[in-house]
Amino acid sequence: MERIIVEIQNNETEAQRLGRMIKYLRLLTGMKREDFANYLHIPLNTVRDWEQGKRKMPEYVYELIEYKVSRELISEDGDEENGK
């Protein structure tokens, strides 16, 4: 999986940019927000606040989540690795 790099748009905060990145990553997995939060053992409200840009996720946390998802859920061609 290629790294997801998102540029900050006009009038966008760093929290909003990281929120768009984590939401895009979640959508790649095909998971609903609640399932994604449970998979990562992160409170649902925290994931929601990150996605909505209300709370800034530390970049190292994003990198760890991206690594976990890419290794466990997403193959190189974008398909889930669960036998599909």
N, C-alpha and C. Protein backbone atom coordinates (compact mmCIF):
# COMPACT_ATOMS: atom_id res chain seq x y z
N MET A 1 0.85 -1.18 0.00
CA MET A 1 0.00 0.00 0.00
C MET A 1 0.88 1.23 0.00
N GLU A 2 0.55 2.18 -0.85
CA GLU A 2 1.30 3.43 -0.89
C GLU A 2 0.90 4.31 0.27
N ARG A 3 1.83 5.13 0.72
CA ARG A 3 1.53 6.09 1.79
C ARG A 3 0.48 7.07 1.31
N ILE A 4 -0.42 7.39 2.20
CA ILE A 4 -1.45 8.38 1.90
C ILE A 4 -0.90 9.74 2.31
N ILE A 5 -0.77 10.62 1.34
CA ILE A 5 -0.28 11.97 1.61
C ILE A 5 -1.34 12.94 1.14
N VAL A 6 -1.78 13.79 2.03
CA VAL A 6 -2.84 14.73 1.73
C VAL A 6 -2.32 16.13 2.03
N GLU A 7 -2.44 16.99 1.05
CA GLU A 7 -2.03 18.39 1.24
C GLU A 7 -3.09 19.15 2.03
N ILE A 8 -2.65 20.13 2.81
CA ILE A 8 -3.59 20.99 3.52
C ILE A 8 -4.28 21.89 2.50
N GLN A 9 -5.60 21.91 2.56
CA GLN A 9 -6.37 22.76 1.66
C GLN A 9 -6.52 24.14 2.27
N ASN A 10 -7.03 25.09 1.49
CA ASN A 10 -7.22 26.46 1.99
C ASN A 10 -8.06 26.44 3.25
N ASN A 11 -7.66 27.23 4.22
CA ASN A 11 -8.38 27.39 5.49
C ASN A 11 -8.57 26.08 6.24
N GLU A 12 -7.69 25.12 6.04
CA GLU A 12 -7.79 23.83 6.71
C GLU A 12 -6.69 23.73 7.77
N THR A 13 -7.04 23.18 8.90
CA THR A 13 -6.05 22.99 9.96
C THR A 13 -5.34 21.65 9.77
N GLU A 14 -4.26 21.47 10.49
CA GLU A 14 -3.55 20.20 10.48
C GLU A 14 -4.45 19.08 11.00
N ALA A 15 -5.27 19.38 11.99
CA ALA A 15 -6.21 18.38 12.53
C ALA A 15 -7.19 17.93 11.45
N GLN A 16 -7.67 18.86 10.64
CA GLN A 16 -8.60 18.51 9.57
C GLN A 16 -7.92 17.67 8.49
N ARG A 17 -6.67 18.01 8.17
CA ARG A 17 -5.93 17.24 7.16
C ARG A 17 -5.73 15.80 7.64
N LEU A 18 -5.28 15.64 8.87
CA LEU A 18 -5.10 14.30 9.42
C LEU A 18 -6.43 13.57 9.52
N GLY A 19 -7.49 14.30 9.81
CA GLY A 19 -8.82 13.70 9.86
C GLY A 19 -9.24 13.15 8.52
N ARG A 20 -8.97 13.89 7.46
CA ARG A 20 -9.29 13.38 6.12
C ARG A 20 -8.46 12.15 5.81
N MET A 21 -7.21 12.13 6.25
CA MET A 21 -6.34 10.98 5.99
C MET A 21 -6.84 9.73 6.71
N ILE A 22 -7.23 9.85 7.98
CA ILE A 22 -7.68 8.68 8.73
C ILE A 22 -9.03 8.20 8.20
N LYS A 23 -9.87 9.13 7.78
CA LYS A 23 -11.16 8.73 7.22
C LYS A 23 -10.95 7.98 5.90
N TYR A 24 -10.06 8.47 5.07
CA TYR A 24 -9.76 7.80 3.81
C TYR A 24 -9.20 6.40 4.07
N LEU A 25 -8.34 6.29 5.04
CA LEU A 25 -7.77 4.99 5.40
C LEU A 25 -8.88 4.04 5.87
N ARG A 26 -9.77 4.55 6.70
CA ARG A 26 -10.90 3.73 7.17
C ARG A 26 -11.77 3.29 6.01
N LEU A 27 -12.06 4.19 5.10
CA LEU A 27 -12.89 3.85 3.95
C LEU A 27 -12.23 2.79 3.07
N LEU A 28 -10.91 2.81 2.99
CA LEU A 28 -10.20 1.77 2.24
C LEU A 28 -10.43 0.39 2.84
N THR A 29 -10.63 0.33 4.15
CA THR A 29 -10.87 -0.96 4.80
C THR A 29 -12.30 -1.43 4.60
N GLY A 30 -13.19 -0.52 4.26
CA GLY A 30 -14.60 -0.86 4.11
C GLY A 30 -15.33 -0.94 5.44
N MET A 31 -14.69 -0.49 6.51
CA MET A 31 -15.29 -0.57 7.85
C MET A 31 -16.12 0.67 8.16
N LYS A 32 -17.16 0.44 8.96
CA LYS A 32 -17.89 1.56 9.54
C LYS A 32 -17.00 2.13 10.65
N ARG A 33 -17.29 3.34 11.04
CA ARG A 33 -16.46 4.02 12.05
C ARG A 33 -16.39 3.21 13.35
N GLU A 34 -17.52 2.68 13.79
CA GLU A 34 -17.54 1.92 15.05
C GLU A 34 -16.68 0.65 14.94
N ASP A 35 -16.76 -0.04 13.81
CA ASP A 35 -15.95 -1.25 13.61
C ASP A 35 -14.46 -0.91 13.58
N PHE A 36 -14.13 0.20 12.93
CA PHE A 36 -12.74 0.65 12.84
C PHE A 36 -12.20 0.98 14.23
N ALA A 37 -13.00 1.69 15.02
CA ALA A 37 -12.59 2.04 16.38
C ALA A 37 -12.38 0.78 17.22
N ASN A 38 -13.29 -0.17 17.10
CA ASN A 38 -13.15 -1.43 17.85
C ASN A 38 -11.92 -2.20 17.40
N TYR A 39 -11.67 -2.26 16.12
CA TYR A 39 -10.51 -2.95 15.57
C TYR A 39 -9.21 -2.37 16.13
N LEU A 40 -9.17 -1.04 16.28
CA LEU A 40 -7.97 -0.37 16.76
C LEU A 40 -7.93 -0.24 18.28
N HIS A 41 -9.02 -0.61 18.96
CA HIS A 41 -9.11 -0.45 20.42
C HIS A 41 -8.97 1.02 20.81
N ILE A 42 -9.65 1.86 20.05
CA ILE A 42 -9.67 3.31 20.29
C ILE A 42 -11.13 3.70 20.50
N PRO A 43 -11.43 4.56 21.47
CA PRO A 43 -12.82 4.97 21.68
C PRO A 43 -13.44 5.55 20.40
N LEU A 44 -14.69 5.19 20.16
CA LEU A 44 -15.41 5.66 18.98
C LEU A 44 -15.41 7.18 18.90
N ASN A 45 -15.64 7.85 20.03
CA ASN A 45 -15.68 9.31 20.02
C ASN A 45 -14.34 9.91 19.60
N THR A 46 -13.26 9.26 19.94
CA THR A 46 -11.93 9.75 19.54
C THR A 46 -11.77 9.66 18.04
N VAL A 47 -12.13 8.52 17.46
CA VAL A 47 -12.03 8.35 16.00
C VAL A 47 -12.93 9.36 15.31
N ARG A 48 -14.15 9.55 15.81
CA ARG A 48 -15.07 10.53 15.22
C ARG A 48 -14.47 11.94 15.27
N ASP A 49 -13.94 12.30 16.44
CA ASP A 49 -13.35 13.64 16.58
C ASP A 49 -12.15 13.83 15.65
N TRP A 50 -11.34 12.79 15.49
CA TRP A 50 -10.22 12.86 14.55
C TRP A 50 -10.73 13.08 13.13
N GLU A 51 -11.68 12.26 12.71
CA GLU A 51 -12.19 12.36 11.34
C GLU A 51 -12.82 13.71 11.06
N GLN A 52 -13.47 14.27 12.04
CA GLN A 52 -14.15 15.56 11.87
C GLN A 52 -13.22 16.75 12.10
N GLY A 53 -11.96 16.47 12.43
CA GLY A 53 -10.99 17.54 12.63
C GLY A 53 -11.20 18.32 13.91
N LYS A 54 -11.98 17.77 14.83
CA LYS A 54 -12.23 18.44 16.11
C LYS A 54 -11.09 18.24 17.09
N ARG A 55 -10.31 17.20 16.85
CA ARG A 55 -9.21 16.86 17.74
C ARG A 55 -8.04 16.41 16.88
N LYS A 56 -6.86 16.92 17.16
CA LYS A 56 -5.69 16.58 16.33
C LYS A 56 -5.09 15.26 16.78
N MET A 57 -5.01 14.35 15.84
CA MET A 57 -4.36 13.07 16.08
C MET A 57 -2.86 13.27 15.94
N PRO A 58 -2.06 12.75 16.87
CA PRO A 58 -0.61 12.84 16.67
C PRO A 58 -0.21 12.09 15.40
N GLU A 59 0.70 12.66 14.63
CA GLU A 59 1.10 12.02 13.37
C GLU A 59 1.66 10.63 13.57
N TYR A 60 2.38 10.41 14.67
CA TYR A 60 2.94 9.08 14.89
C TYR A 60 1.82 8.05 15.08
N VAL A 61 0.68 8.47 15.66
CA VAL A 61 -0.45 7.56 15.83
C VAL A 61 -1.02 7.21 14.46
N TYR A 62 -1.14 8.21 13.59
CA TYR A 62 -1.62 7.93 12.24
C TYR A 62 -0.69 6.93 11.55
N GLU A 63 0.61 7.14 11.67
CA GLU A 63 1.58 6.25 11.02
C GLU A 63 1.46 4.83 11.55
N LEU A 64 1.24 4.67 12.85
CA LEU A 64 1.07 3.34 13.42
C LEU A 64 -0.22 2.68 12.92
N ILE A 65 -1.30 3.46 12.84
CA ILE A 65 -2.57 2.92 12.34
C ILE A 65 -2.43 2.53 10.88
N GLU A 66 -1.80 3.39 10.10
CA GLU A 66 -1.60 3.11 8.68
C GLU A 66 -0.79 1.82 8.50
N TYR A 67 0.23 1.64 9.29
CA TYR A 67 1.06 0.44 9.22
C TYR A 67 0.23 -0.80 9.56
N LYS A 68 -0.51 -0.74 10.65
CA LYS A 68 -1.33 -1.88 11.08
C LYS A 68 -2.36 -2.25 10.01
N VAL A 69 -3.05 -1.26 9.50
CA VAL A 69 -4.08 -1.51 8.48
C VAL A 69 -3.46 -2.09 7.22
N SER A 70 -2.33 -1.53 6.79
CA SER A 70 -1.70 -2.01 5.56
C SER A 70 -1.20 -3.44 5.70
N ARG A 71 -0.73 -3.81 6.88
CA ARG A 71 -0.20 -5.16 7.11
C ARG A 71 -1.31 -6.18 7.31
N GLU A 72 -2.40 -5.78 7.96
CA GLU A 72 -3.42 -6.74 8.34
C GLU A 72 -4.64 -6.76 7.44
N LEU A 73 -4.95 -5.64 6.79
CA LEU A 73 -6.23 -5.57 6.08
C LEU A 73 -6.13 -5.32 4.58
N ILE A 74 -5.12 -4.58 4.15
CA ILE A 74 -5.08 -4.15 2.75
C ILE A 74 -3.85 -4.71 2.07
N SER A 75 -4.06 -5.41 0.96
CA SER A 75 -2.93 -5.92 0.19
C SER A 75 -2.40 -4.84 -0.74
N GLU A 76 -1.33 -5.14 -1.43
CA GLU A 76 -0.70 -4.16 -2.32
C GLU A 76 -1.64 -3.65 -3.41
N ASP A 77 -2.56 -4.49 -3.90
CA ASP A 77 -3.45 -4.05 -4.97
C ASP A 77 -4.77 -3.48 -4.46
N GLY A 78 -4.85 -3.25 -3.14
CA GLY A 78 -6.01 -2.60 -2.58
C GLY A 78 -7.12 -3.54 -2.16
N ASP A 79 -6.95 -4.85 -2.37
CA ASP A 79 -7.96 -5.81 -1.96
C ASP A 79 -7.74 -6.23 -0.53
N GLU A 80 -8.82 -6.60 0.14
CA GLU A 80 -8.66 -7.13 1.49
C GLU A 80 -7.96 -8.47 1.40
N GLU A 81 -7.16 -8.78 2.39
CA GLU A 81 -6.38 -10.02 2.37
C GLU A 81 -7.11 -11.18 3.02
N ASN A 82 -8.35 -11.01 3.39
CA ASN A 82 -9.08 -12.07 4.07
C ASN A 82 -9.59 -13.11 3.10
N GLY A 83 -8.71 -13.62 2.24
CA GLY A 83 -9.09 -14.68 1.32
C GLY A 83 -9.81 -14.20 0.08
N LYS A 84 -9.83 -12.93 -0.17
CA LYS A 84 -10.52 -12.41 -1.36
C LYS A 84 -9.55 -12.12 -2.47
